[in-house]
Amino acid sequence: MTDQHQQKAADALAELRRRIDGVDSELVALLAKRQRCVEEVIEIKRTAQLPARIPARIDEVLAHIRKLAVAADVEPDLAVAVWREMIEQFIAFEERQI
């Protein structure tokens, strides 16, 4: 590969990395928005003395995410794995708050 080709590749990678960084910023903002919703859920669960972990709800969310991933042409197993981890982290957060 010539120096010119390497420079074009480096420039293209730099631009893609900037775009990825922008997407990451959006994802963190959305994660914060989701956490605000979870904080409201915590108040309701605390008052109603409900557990943080509700297995039927977890199954419902993961099934919904799988359908959304398929529709968006995203690897469904990847999406479910990401959501499963996020759910576990939020459940731990809920348990600490409740």
C-alpha atoms as a PDB file:
ATOM      1  CA  MET A   1       0.000   0.000   0.000  1.00  0.00           C
ATOM      2  CA  THR A   2       1.368   3.405  -0.923  1.00  0.00           C
ATOM      3  CA  ASP A   3       1.752   6.307   1.478  1.00  0.00           C
ATOM      4  CA  GLN A   4      -1.156   8.021  -0.270  1.00  0.00           C
ATOM      5  CA  HIS A   5      -3.409   4.992   0.269  1.00  0.00           C
ATOM      6  CA  GLN A   6      -2.320   4.750   3.899  1.00  0.00           C
ATOM      7  CA  GLN A   7      -3.105   8.436   4.428  1.00  0.00           C
ATOM      8  CA  LYS A   8      -6.548   8.045   2.849  1.00  0.00           C
ATOM      9  CA  ALA A   9      -7.213   5.049   5.093  1.00  0.00           C
ATOM     10  CA  ALA A  10      -6.024   6.973   8.164  1.00  0.00           C
ATOM     11  CA  ASP A  11      -8.240   9.946   7.250  1.00  0.00           C
ATOM     12  CA  ALA A  12     -11.246   7.699   6.686  1.00  0.00           C
ATOM     13  CA  LEU A  13     -10.667   5.941  10.012  1.00  0.00           C
ATOM     14  CA  ALA A  14     -10.315   9.276  11.819  1.00  0.00           C
ATOM     15  CA  GLU A  15     -13.641  10.465  10.400  1.00  0.00           C
ATOM     16  CA  LEU A  16     -15.379   7.211  11.297  1.00  0.00           C
ATOM     17  CA  ARG A  17     -13.956   7.382  14.815  1.00  0.00           C
ATOM     18  CA  ARG A  18     -15.329  10.931  15.186  1.00  0.00           C
ATOM     19  CA  ARG A  19     -18.747   9.653  14.087  1.00  0.00           C
ATOM     20  CA  ILE A  20     -18.525   6.752  16.537  1.00  0.00           C
ATOM     21  CA  ASP A  21     -17.603   9.184  19.328  1.00  0.00           C
ATOM     22  CA  GLY A  22     -20.689  11.218  18.444  1.00  0.00           C
ATOM     23  CA  VAL A  23     -22.892   8.136  18.578  1.00  0.00           C
ATOM     24  CA  ASP A  24     -21.337   7.210  21.928  1.00  0.00           C
ATOM     25  CA  SER A  25     -22.260  10.661  23.272  1.00  0.00           C
ATOM     26  CA  GLU A  26     -25.842  10.155  22.113  1.00  0.00           C
ATOM     27  CA  LEU A  27     -25.955   6.707  23.715  1.00  0.00           C
ATOM     28  CA  VAL A  28     -24.755   8.066  27.063  1.00  0.00           C
ATOM     29  CA  ALA A  29     -27.421  10.796  26.908  1.00  0.00           C
ATOM     30  CA  LEU A  30     -30.055   8.133  26.222  1.00  0.00           C
ATOM     31  CA  LEU A  31     -28.689   6.001  29.048  1.00  0.00           C
ATOM     32  CA  ALA A  32     -29.081   8.975  31.390  1.00  0.00           C
ATOM     33  CA  LYS A  33     -32.662   9.420  30.180  1.00  0.00           C
ATOM     34  CA  ARG A  34     -33.350   5.728  30.846  1.00  0.00           C
ATOM     35  CA  GLN A  35     -31.854   6.033  34.319  1.00  0.00           C
ATOM     36  CA  ARG A  36     -34.230   8.922  35.117  1.00  0.00           C
ATOM     37  CA  CYS A  37     -37.132   6.601  34.228  1.00  0.00           C
ATOM     38  CA  VAL A  38     -35.669   3.833  36.381  1.00  0.00           C
ATOM     39  CA  GLU A  39     -35.420   6.282  39.280  1.00  0.00           C
ATOM     40  CA  GLU A  40     -39.166   6.891  38.973  1.00  0.00           C
ATOM     41  CA  VAL A  41     -39.751   3.128  38.861  1.00  0.00           C
ATOM     42  CA  ILE A  42     -37.731   2.786  42.065  1.00  0.00           C
ATOM     43  CA  GLU A  43     -40.043   5.184  43.886  1.00  0.00           C
ATOM     44  CA  ILE A  44     -43.097   3.195  42.813  1.00  0.00           C
ATOM     45  CA  LYS A  45     -41.508  -0.153  43.691  1.00  0.00           C
ATOM     46  CA  ARG A  46     -40.362   1.178  47.057  1.00  0.00           C
ATOM     47  CA  THR A  47     -43.854   2.437  47.924  1.00  0.00           C
ATOM     48  CA  ALA A  48     -45.563  -0.729  46.672  1.00  0.00           C
ATOM     49  CA  GLN A  49     -42.879  -2.956  48.225  1.00  0.00           C
ATOM     50  CA  LEU A  50     -42.141  -4.615  44.895  1.00  0.00           C
ATOM     51  CA  PRO A  51     -38.846  -6.359  44.147  1.00  0.00           C
ATOM     52  CA  ALA A  52     -36.254  -4.845  41.844  1.00  0.00           C
ATOM     53  CA  ARG A  53     -36.114  -8.022  39.746  1.00  0.00           C
ATOM     54  CA  ILE A  54     -39.314  -8.970  37.941  1.00  0.00           C
ATOM     55  CA  PRO A  55     -38.387 -11.882  35.626  1.00  0.00           C
ATOM     56  CA  ALA A  56     -41.478 -11.612  33.409  1.00  0.00           C
ATOM     57  CA  ARG A  57     -40.645  -7.956  32.685  1.00  0.00           C
ATOM     58  CA  ILE A  58     -37.047  -8.846  31.849  1.00  0.00           C
ATOM     59  CA  ASP A  59     -38.240 -11.481  29.375  1.00  0.00           C
ATOM     60  CA  GLU A  60     -40.692  -8.990  27.864  1.00  0.00           C
ATOM     61  CA  VAL A  61     -38.011  -6.323  27.394  1.00  0.00           C
ATOM     62  CA  LEU A  62     -35.501  -8.737  25.860  1.00  0.00           C
ATOM     63  CA  ALA A  63     -38.074 -10.131  23.433  1.00  0.00           C
ATOM     64  CA  HIS A  64     -38.979  -6.580  22.399  1.00  0.00           C
ATOM     65  CA  ILE A  65     -35.303  -5.677  21.925  1.00  0.00           C
ATOM     66  CA  ARG A  66     -34.762  -8.770  19.773  1.00  0.00           C
ATOM     67  CA  LYS A  67     -37.658  -7.721  17.498  1.00  0.00           C
ATOM     68  CA  LEU A  68     -36.364  -4.147  17.296  1.00  0.00           C
ATOM     69  CA  ALA A  69     -32.875  -5.388  16.444  1.00  0.00           C
ATOM     70  CA  VAL A  70     -34.161  -7.622  13.659  1.00  0.00           C
ATOM     71  CA  ALA A  71     -36.196  -4.739  12.227  1.00  0.00           C
ATOM     72  CA  ALA A  72     -33.160  -2.425  12.391  1.00  0.00           C
ATOM     73  CA  ASP A  73     -30.823  -5.011  10.842  1.00  0.00           C
ATOM     74  CA  VAL A  74     -28.717  -5.201  14.006  1.00  0.00           C
ATOM     75  CA  GLU A  75     -27.335  -8.534  15.196  1.00  0.00           C
ATOM     76  CA  PRO A  76     -30.119  -9.637  17.599  1.00  0.00           C
ATOM     77  CA  ASP A  77     -27.815 -11.589  19.916  1.00  0.00           C
ATOM     78  CA  LEU A  78     -25.604  -8.523  20.278  1.00  0.00           C
ATOM     79  CA  ALA A  79     -28.555  -6.276  21.120  1.00  0.00           C
ATOM     80  CA  VAL A  80     -29.967  -8.758  23.625  1.00  0.00           C
ATOM     81  CA  ALA A  81     -26.558  -9.198  25.270  1.00  0.00           C
ATOM     82  CA  VAL A  82     -26.132  -5.429  25.632  1.00  0.00           C
ATOM     83  CA  TRP A  83     -29.634  -5.040  27.064  1.00  0.00           C
ATOM     84  CA  ARG A  84     -29.219  -8.012  29.385  1.00  0.00           C
ATOM     85  CA  GLU A  85     -26.116  -6.391  30.897  1.00  0.00           C
ATOM     86  CA  MET A  86     -27.821  -3.003  31.108  1.00  0.00           C
ATOM     87  CA  ILE A  87     -30.841  -4.564  32.813  1.00  0.00           C
ATOM     88  CA  GLU A  88     -28.611  -6.337  35.337  1.00  0.00           C
ATOM     89  CA  GLN A  89     -26.844  -3.082  36.124  1.00  0.00           C
ATOM     90  CA  PHE A  90     -30.137  -1.241  36.562  1.00  0.00           C
ATOM     91  CA  ILE A  91     -31.523  -4.015  38.771  1.00  0.00           C
ATOM     92  CA  ALA A  92     -28.437  -3.709  40.969  1.00  0.00           C
ATOM     93  CA  PHE A  93     -29.010   0.062  41.048  1.00  0.00           C
ATOM     94  CA  GLU A  94     -32.667  -0.479  42.008  1.00  0.00           C
ATOM     95  CA  GLU A  95     -31.712  -2.947  44.751  1.00  0.00           C
ATOM     96  CA  ARG A  96     -29.300  -0.424  46.264  1.00  0.00           C
ATOM     97  CA  GLN A  97     -32.002   2.252  46.224  1.00  0.00           C
ATOM     98  CA  ILE A  98     -34.914   0.135  47.422  1.00  0.00           C
END
